[in-house]
Amino acid sequence: MDKIDIINPIKFCLFIFLAFQSCNYNDNKNLGDGFVYYADHKMISNSTGSYGEIPSNVLEYKHDKKFIIATQKPIENDPNELMYDNEYVYKQGYDVIYYWIILKETKTVIGPLTKVEFLEAREKYNISENLTLN
């Protein structure tokens, strides 16, 4: 009986430990060259916070060795706004999807762009046709 009393508290503590560990799990994705998709904030930034970012609410992103492209629907009165390096102007309002390009080599973030501006920039920077957004 004494052995059972000791094992049950140990199992209970292990269960609690594992439950808390699973709460700390995140879906952050390394996009290369120091850029990370932060799932909890739905934004793309670099791990040091020094190159600029694509603010919340990133809807979709694709990346390769040279570029990151993304779509974003901005959040009015974004609670993450204090974390951003820049102040962004959404010339078509907050109910529109915007496009972004990150040039990894130069750590340049371009956006927010309209779809037409995005397609022009895509051509200008020779972004591969294999890198597409839905």
N, C-alpha and C. Protein backbone atom coordinates (compact mmCIF):
# COMPACT_ATOMS: atom_id res chain seq x y z
N MET A 1 0.82 -1.20 0.00
CA MET A 1 0.00 0.00 0.00
C MET A 1 0.86 1.26 0.00
N ASP A 2 1.97 1.24 0.73
CA ASP A 2 2.84 2.41 0.77
C ASP A 2 3.41 2.74 -0.60
N LYS A 3 3.71 1.70 -1.37
CA LYS A 3 4.27 1.91 -2.70
C LYS A 3 3.26 2.62 -3.61
N ILE A 4 2.00 2.29 -3.55
CA ILE A 4 0.96 2.91 -4.35
C ILE A 4 0.80 4.37 -3.98
N ASP A 5 0.86 4.68 -2.72
CA ASP A 5 0.72 6.06 -2.27
C ASP A 5 1.85 6.95 -2.81
N ILE A 6 3.05 6.39 -2.96
CA ILE A 6 4.18 7.16 -3.48
C ILE A 6 4.07 7.32 -4.99
N ILE A 7 3.66 6.27 -5.67
CA ILE A 7 3.59 6.32 -7.13
C ILE A 7 2.52 7.28 -7.62
N ASN A 8 1.37 7.30 -7.02
CA ASN A 8 0.30 8.17 -7.48
C ASN A 8 0.68 9.65 -7.44
N PRO A 9 1.29 10.17 -6.36
CA PRO A 9 1.71 11.57 -6.39
C PRO A 9 2.77 11.85 -7.45
N ILE A 10 3.64 10.89 -7.70
CA ILE A 10 4.66 11.08 -8.73
C ILE A 10 3.99 11.16 -10.10
N LYS A 11 3.08 10.26 -10.39
CA LYS A 11 2.35 10.30 -11.66
C LYS A 11 1.57 11.60 -11.80
N PHE A 12 0.97 12.04 -10.71
CA PHE A 12 0.21 13.29 -10.74
C PHE A 12 1.13 14.47 -11.08
N CYS A 13 2.28 14.53 -10.43
CA CYS A 13 3.23 15.62 -10.68
C CYS A 13 3.74 15.57 -12.12
N LEU A 14 4.01 14.37 -12.62
CA LEU A 14 4.44 14.22 -14.00
C LEU A 14 3.36 14.69 -14.96
N PHE A 15 2.13 14.35 -14.69
CA PHE A 15 1.01 14.78 -15.52
C PHE A 15 0.91 16.31 -15.55
N ILE A 16 0.99 16.94 -14.39
CA ILE A 16 0.92 18.40 -14.30
C ILE A 16 2.08 19.03 -15.06
N PHE A 17 3.28 18.50 -14.90
CA PHE A 17 4.45 19.02 -15.61
C PHE A 17 4.25 18.95 -17.12
N LEU A 18 3.81 17.80 -17.63
CA LEU A 18 3.59 17.65 -19.06
C LEU A 18 2.47 18.54 -19.57
N ALA A 19 1.45 18.73 -18.77
CA ALA A 19 0.35 19.61 -19.17
C ALA A 19 0.85 21.05 -19.33
N PHE A 20 1.67 21.52 -18.41
CA PHE A 20 2.21 22.88 -18.52
C PHE A 20 3.19 23.00 -19.67
N GLN A 21 3.96 21.97 -19.93
CA GLN A 21 4.89 22.00 -21.06
C GLN A 21 4.13 22.12 -22.37
N SER A 22 3.02 21.43 -22.50
CA SER A 22 2.25 21.51 -23.75
C SER A 22 1.65 22.89 -23.94
N CYS A 23 1.40 23.62 -22.87
CA CYS A 23 0.90 24.99 -22.99
C CYS A 23 1.96 25.92 -23.56
N ASN A 24 3.23 25.58 -23.35
CA ASN A 24 4.32 26.41 -23.85
C ASN A 24 4.69 26.11 -25.29
N TYR A 25 4.09 25.11 -25.88
CA TYR A 25 4.37 24.75 -27.27
C TYR A 25 3.88 25.86 -28.18
N ASN A 26 4.66 26.16 -29.20
CA ASN A 26 4.21 27.16 -30.17
C ASN A 26 4.50 26.67 -31.58
N ASP A 27 3.89 27.31 -32.53
CA ASP A 27 4.07 26.97 -33.93
C ASP A 27 4.93 27.98 -34.66
N ASN A 28 5.86 28.62 -33.97
CA ASN A 28 6.76 29.56 -34.63
C ASN A 28 7.55 28.81 -35.70
N LYS A 29 7.74 29.47 -36.84
CA LYS A 29 8.44 28.85 -37.96
C LYS A 29 9.66 29.69 -38.35
N ASN A 30 10.81 29.04 -38.44
CA ASN A 30 12.02 29.70 -38.90
C ASN A 30 11.94 29.82 -40.41
N LEU A 31 12.02 31.04 -40.92
CA LEU A 31 11.91 31.30 -42.36
C LEU A 31 13.26 31.57 -43.01
N GLY A 32 14.31 31.45 -42.24
CA GLY A 32 15.66 31.65 -42.77
C GLY A 32 16.16 33.08 -42.64
N ASP A 33 17.47 33.22 -42.59
CA ASP A 33 18.14 34.52 -42.49
C ASP A 33 17.66 35.35 -41.30
N GLY A 34 17.29 34.67 -40.23
CA GLY A 34 16.89 35.34 -39.01
C GLY A 34 15.42 35.71 -38.93
N PHE A 35 14.64 35.46 -39.97
CA PHE A 35 13.22 35.79 -39.95
C PHE A 35 12.40 34.63 -39.40
N VAL A 36 11.37 34.98 -38.63
CA VAL A 36 10.54 33.98 -37.95
C VAL A 36 9.08 34.38 -38.09
N TYR A 37 8.23 33.38 -38.34
CA TYR A 37 6.78 33.60 -38.24
C TYR A 37 6.41 33.29 -36.80
N TYR A 38 5.91 34.31 -36.09
CA TYR A 38 5.50 34.15 -34.70
C TYR A 38 4.00 33.85 -34.67
N ALA A 39 3.68 32.59 -34.46
CA ALA A 39 2.30 32.11 -34.55
C ALA A 39 1.39 32.78 -33.52
N ASP A 40 1.90 33.02 -32.33
CA ASP A 40 1.05 33.60 -31.28
C ASP A 40 0.63 35.03 -31.60
N HIS A 41 1.44 35.75 -32.38
CA HIS A 41 1.10 37.13 -32.76
C HIS A 41 0.71 37.25 -34.23
N LYS A 42 0.80 36.15 -34.97
CA LYS A 42 0.49 36.11 -36.41
C LYS A 42 1.24 37.21 -37.16
N MET A 43 2.54 37.29 -36.88
CA MET A 43 3.39 38.29 -37.52
C MET A 43 4.71 37.66 -37.92
N ILE A 44 5.41 38.32 -38.84
CA ILE A 44 6.74 37.89 -39.25
C ILE A 44 7.71 38.98 -38.85
N SER A 45 8.76 38.58 -38.17
CA SER A 45 9.80 39.51 -37.76
C SER A 45 11.11 38.74 -37.76
N ASN A 46 12.15 39.40 -37.36
CA ASN A 46 13.39 38.65 -37.23
C ASN A 46 13.63 38.35 -35.77
N SER A 47 14.46 37.40 -35.52
CA SER A 47 14.65 36.95 -34.15
C SER A 47 15.27 38.01 -33.25
N THR A 48 15.94 39.00 -33.83
CA THR A 48 16.53 40.06 -33.01
C THR A 48 15.67 41.32 -32.97
N GLY A 49 14.65 41.38 -33.83
CA GLY A 49 13.77 42.55 -33.85
C GLY A 49 14.39 43.79 -34.46
N SER A 50 15.41 43.62 -35.31
CA SER A 50 16.11 44.80 -35.82
C SER A 50 15.94 45.07 -37.31
N TYR A 51 15.17 44.27 -38.04
CA TYR A 51 15.07 44.47 -39.48
C TYR A 51 13.69 44.91 -39.94
N GLY A 52 12.77 45.16 -39.08
CA GLY A 52 11.40 45.44 -39.50
C GLY A 52 10.59 44.17 -39.48
N GLU A 53 9.33 44.27 -39.87
CA GLU A 53 8.45 43.12 -39.73
C GLU A 53 7.24 43.25 -40.64
N ILE A 54 6.48 42.16 -40.70
CA ILE A 54 5.14 42.18 -41.28
C ILE A 54 4.20 42.04 -40.10
N PRO A 55 3.44 43.09 -39.81
CA PRO A 55 2.61 43.09 -38.59
C PRO A 55 1.45 42.09 -38.66
N SER A 56 0.82 41.90 -37.52
CA SER A 56 -0.38 41.06 -37.43
C SER A 56 -1.43 41.61 -38.37
N ASN A 57 -2.09 40.90 -38.96
CA ASN A 57 -2.53 39.54 -38.94
C ASN A 57 -2.11 38.89 -40.25
N VAL A 58 -0.96 38.17 -40.24
CA VAL A 58 -0.47 37.50 -41.43
C VAL A 58 -1.40 36.32 -41.71
N LEU A 59 -1.93 36.29 -42.93
CA LEU A 59 -2.87 35.24 -43.31
C LEU A 59 -2.16 34.05 -43.95
N GLU A 60 -1.15 34.35 -44.75
CA GLU A 60 -0.43 33.30 -45.48
C GLU A 60 0.96 33.80 -45.80
N TYR A 61 1.92 32.90 -45.84
CA TYR A 61 3.27 33.27 -46.24
C TYR A 61 3.93 32.10 -46.95
N LYS A 62 4.87 32.44 -47.81
CA LYS A 62 5.72 31.47 -48.51
C LYS A 62 7.12 32.04 -48.49
N HIS A 63 8.10 31.15 -48.55
CA HIS A 63 9.48 31.64 -48.55
C HIS A 63 10.39 30.69 -49.31
N ASP A 64 11.50 31.25 -49.76
CA ASP A 64 12.58 30.46 -50.33
C ASP A 64 13.89 31.06 -49.83
N LYS A 65 14.98 30.77 -50.49
CA LYS A 65 16.29 31.25 -50.02
C LYS A 65 16.44 32.76 -50.10
N LYS A 66 15.72 33.40 -51.05
CA LYS A 66 15.90 34.83 -51.27
C LYS A 66 14.77 35.71 -50.73
N PHE A 67 13.54 35.18 -50.69
CA PHE A 67 12.38 36.03 -50.41
C PHE A 67 11.42 35.39 -49.41
N ILE A 68 10.65 36.27 -48.79
CA ILE A 68 9.44 35.87 -48.07
C ILE A 68 8.33 36.72 -48.66
N ILE A 69 7.24 36.10 -49.04
CA ILE A 69 6.07 36.86 -49.49
C ILE A 69 4.92 36.49 -48.56
N ALA A 70 4.02 37.44 -48.36
CA ALA A 70 2.93 37.19 -47.41
C ALA A 70 1.72 38.05 -47.73
N THR A 71 0.58 37.57 -47.25
CA THR A 71 -0.64 38.38 -47.25
C THR A 71 -0.96 38.70 -45.79
N GLN A 72 -1.59 39.85 -45.63
CA GLN A 72 -1.89 40.33 -44.29
C GLN A 72 -3.20 41.10 -44.32
N LYS A 73 -4.01 40.89 -43.32
CA LYS A 73 -5.20 41.72 -43.11
C LYS A 73 -4.96 42.45 -41.79
N PRO A 74 -4.69 43.74 -41.86
CA PRO A 74 -4.32 44.47 -40.65
C PRO A 74 -5.44 44.51 -39.62
N ILE A 75 -5.03 44.70 -38.40
CA ILE A 75 -5.96 44.80 -37.29
C ILE A 75 -6.01 46.26 -36.84
N GLU A 76 -7.18 46.84 -36.88
CA GLU A 76 -7.32 48.21 -36.38
C GLU A 76 -7.12 48.19 -34.87
N ASN A 77 -6.37 49.15 -34.34
CA ASN A 77 -6.02 49.19 -32.92
C ASN A 77 -5.34 47.89 -32.50
N ASP A 78 -4.36 47.48 -33.28
CA ASP A 78 -3.62 46.24 -33.07
C ASP A 78 -2.96 46.22 -31.70
N PRO A 79 -3.26 45.20 -30.87
CA PRO A 79 -2.65 45.14 -29.53
C PRO A 79 -1.14 44.89 -29.59
N ASN A 80 -0.63 44.43 -30.72
CA ASN A 80 0.81 44.19 -30.87
C ASN A 80 1.57 45.41 -31.36
N GLU A 81 0.86 46.50 -31.60
CA GLU A 81 1.43 47.69 -32.23
C GLU A 81 2.70 48.20 -31.54
N LEU A 82 2.79 48.07 -30.24
CA LEU A 82 3.96 48.57 -29.51
C LEU A 82 5.21 47.77 -29.83
N MET A 83 5.05 46.56 -30.38
CA MET A 83 6.21 45.73 -30.71
C MET A 83 6.81 46.08 -32.07
N TYR A 84 6.11 46.85 -32.89
CA TYR A 84 6.55 47.09 -34.26
C TYR A 84 7.60 48.18 -34.33
N ASP A 85 8.51 48.01 -35.29
CA ASP A 85 9.57 49.00 -35.51
C ASP A 85 9.06 50.23 -36.23
N ASN A 86 8.01 50.05 -37.04
CA ASN A 86 7.51 51.14 -37.89
C ASN A 86 6.03 51.37 -37.65
N GLU A 87 5.58 52.52 -38.09
CA GLU A 87 4.15 52.82 -38.09
C GLU A 87 3.68 52.61 -39.52
N TYR A 88 2.63 51.83 -39.71
CA TYR A 88 2.18 51.46 -41.05
C TYR A 88 0.93 52.22 -41.45
N VAL A 89 0.89 52.61 -42.73
CA VAL A 89 -0.26 53.32 -43.28
C VAL A 89 -0.97 52.36 -44.24
N TYR A 90 -2.22 52.08 -43.95
CA TYR A 90 -3.03 51.20 -44.79
C TYR A 90 -3.97 52.08 -45.61
N LYS A 91 -3.50 52.44 -46.81
CA LYS A 91 -4.19 53.45 -47.61
C LYS A 91 -5.57 53.01 -48.08
N GLN A 92 -5.86 51.73 -48.07
CA GLN A 92 -7.19 51.26 -48.47
C GLN A 92 -8.03 50.82 -47.27
N GLY A 93 -7.57 51.14 -46.08
CA GLY A 93 -8.33 50.79 -44.87
C GLY A 93 -7.95 49.44 -44.29
N TYR A 94 -8.70 49.03 -43.29
CA TYR A 94 -8.38 47.81 -42.55
C TYR A 94 -9.14 46.58 -43.03
N ASP A 95 -10.06 46.73 -43.95
CA ASP A 95 -10.85 45.60 -44.42
C ASP A 95 -10.32 45.04 -45.73
N VAL A 96 -9.07 45.30 -46.05
CA VAL A 96 -8.46 44.90 -47.32
C VAL A 96 -7.27 44.00 -47.02
N ILE A 97 -7.01 43.08 -47.92
CA ILE A 97 -5.82 42.23 -47.79
C ILE A 97 -4.65 42.94 -48.47
N TYR A 98 -3.54 43.00 -47.75
CA TYR A 98 -2.32 43.63 -48.25
C TYR A 98 -1.26 42.56 -48.49
N TYR A 99 -0.29 42.93 -49.30
CA TYR A 99 0.79 42.01 -49.69
C TYR A 99 2.11 42.58 -49.20
N TRP A 100 3.04 41.67 -48.93
CA TRP A 100 4.34 42.05 -48.40
C TRP A 100 5.43 41.21 -49.06
N ILE A 101 6.61 41.79 -49.17
CA ILE A 101 7.79 41.09 -49.67
C ILE A 101 8.95 41.40 -48.72
N ILE A 102 9.69 40.37 -48.36
CA ILE A 102 10.93 40.57 -47.62
C ILE A 102 12.07 40.09 -48.51
N LEU A 103 13.03 40.98 -48.73
CA LEU A 103 14.25 40.63 -49.46
C LEU A 103 15.26 40.19 -48.40
N LYS A 104 15.47 38.90 -48.29
CA LYS A 104 16.29 38.36 -47.21
C LYS A 104 17.73 38.87 -47.22
N GLU A 105 18.32 38.95 -48.42
CA GLU A 105 19.73 39.32 -48.52
C GLU A 105 20.00 40.70 -47.92
N THR A 106 19.11 41.66 -48.21
CA THR A 106 19.31 43.03 -47.72
C THR A 106 18.48 43.34 -46.47
N LYS A 107 17.70 42.34 -46.00
CA LYS A 107 16.84 42.52 -44.82
C LYS A 107 15.85 43.67 -45.03
N THR A 108 15.32 43.77 -46.26
CA THR A 108 14.39 44.84 -46.61
C THR A 108 12.97 44.32 -46.59
N VAL A 109 12.08 45.04 -45.90
CA VAL A 109 10.67 44.69 -45.84
C VAL A 109 9.91 45.70 -46.70
N ILE A 110 9.15 45.19 -47.67
CA ILE A 110 8.40 46.05 -48.59
C ILE A 110 6.90 45.80 -48.38
N GLY A 111 6.18 46.83 -48.00
CA GLY A 111 4.75 46.70 -47.78
C GLY A 111 4.29 47.73 -46.77
N PRO A 112 3.01 47.85 -46.60
CA PRO A 112 1.94 47.09 -47.22
C PRO A 112 1.71 47.51 -48.68
N LEU A 113 1.44 46.50 -49.53
CA LEU A 113 1.23 46.73 -50.94
C LEU A 113 -0.17 46.29 -51.36
N THR A 114 -0.71 46.98 -52.35
CA THR A 114 -1.94 46.50 -52.97
C THR A 114 -1.55 45.31 -53.86
N LYS A 115 -2.52 44.60 -54.39
CA LYS A 115 -2.21 43.46 -55.25
C LYS A 115 -1.46 43.91 -56.50
N VAL A 116 -1.86 45.02 -57.10
CA VAL A 116 -1.18 45.54 -58.29
C VAL A 116 0.26 45.91 -57.95
N GLU A 117 0.48 46.61 -56.84
CA GLU A 117 1.83 46.97 -56.42
C GLU A 117 2.67 45.72 -56.15
N PHE A 118 2.06 44.72 -55.55
CA PHE A 118 2.75 43.46 -55.25
C PHE A 118 3.20 42.78 -56.55
N LEU A 119 2.31 42.71 -57.52
CA LEU A 119 2.65 42.05 -58.79
C LEU A 119 3.78 42.80 -59.51
N GLU A 120 3.76 44.13 -59.43
CA GLU A 120 4.84 44.93 -60.03
C GLU A 120 6.17 44.69 -59.30
N ALA A 121 6.13 44.67 -57.97
CA ALA A 121 7.34 44.43 -57.19
C ALA A 121 7.86 43.01 -57.40
N ARG A 122 6.96 42.08 -57.53
CA ARG A 122 7.31 40.69 -57.78
C ARG A 122 8.12 40.57 -59.07
N GLU A 123 7.69 41.29 -60.09
CA GLU A 123 8.39 41.31 -61.37
C GLU A 123 9.73 42.03 -61.25
N LYS A 124 9.72 43.16 -60.57
CA LYS A 124 10.94 43.97 -60.40
C LYS A 124 12.06 43.17 -59.73
N TYR A 125 11.71 42.38 -58.70
CA TYR A 125 12.71 41.63 -57.93
C TYR A 125 12.88 40.19 -58.42
N ASN A 126 12.23 39.86 -59.55
CA ASN A 126 12.35 38.52 -60.14
C ASN A 126 12.05 37.40 -59.15
N ILE A 127 10.93 37.53 -58.47
CA ILE A 127 10.51 36.49 -57.53
C ILE A 127 9.97 35.32 -58.33
N SER A 128 10.44 34.15 -58.02
CA SER A 128 10.11 32.93 -58.75
C SER A 128 8.61 32.68 -58.80
N GLU A 129 8.16 32.16 -59.92
CA GLU A 129 6.74 31.78 -60.09
C GLU A 129 6.37 30.63 -59.14
N ASN A 130 7.37 29.88 -58.70
CA ASN A 130 7.11 28.78 -57.77
C ASN A 130 6.71 29.27 -56.39
N LEU A 131 7.01 30.53 -56.10
CA LEU A 131 6.66 31.13 -54.82
C LEU A 131 5.35 31.89 -55.00
N THR A 132 4.23 31.23 -54.68
CA THR A 132 2.92 31.85 -54.93
C THR A 132 2.05 31.79 -53.68
N LEU A 133 1.14 32.74 -53.62
CA LEU A 133 0.15 32.79 -52.54
C LEU A 133 -1.21 32.45 -53.13
N ASN A 134 -2.07 31.90 -52.32
CA ASN A 134 -3.43 31.57 -52.79
C ASN A 134 -4.25 32.79 -53.07
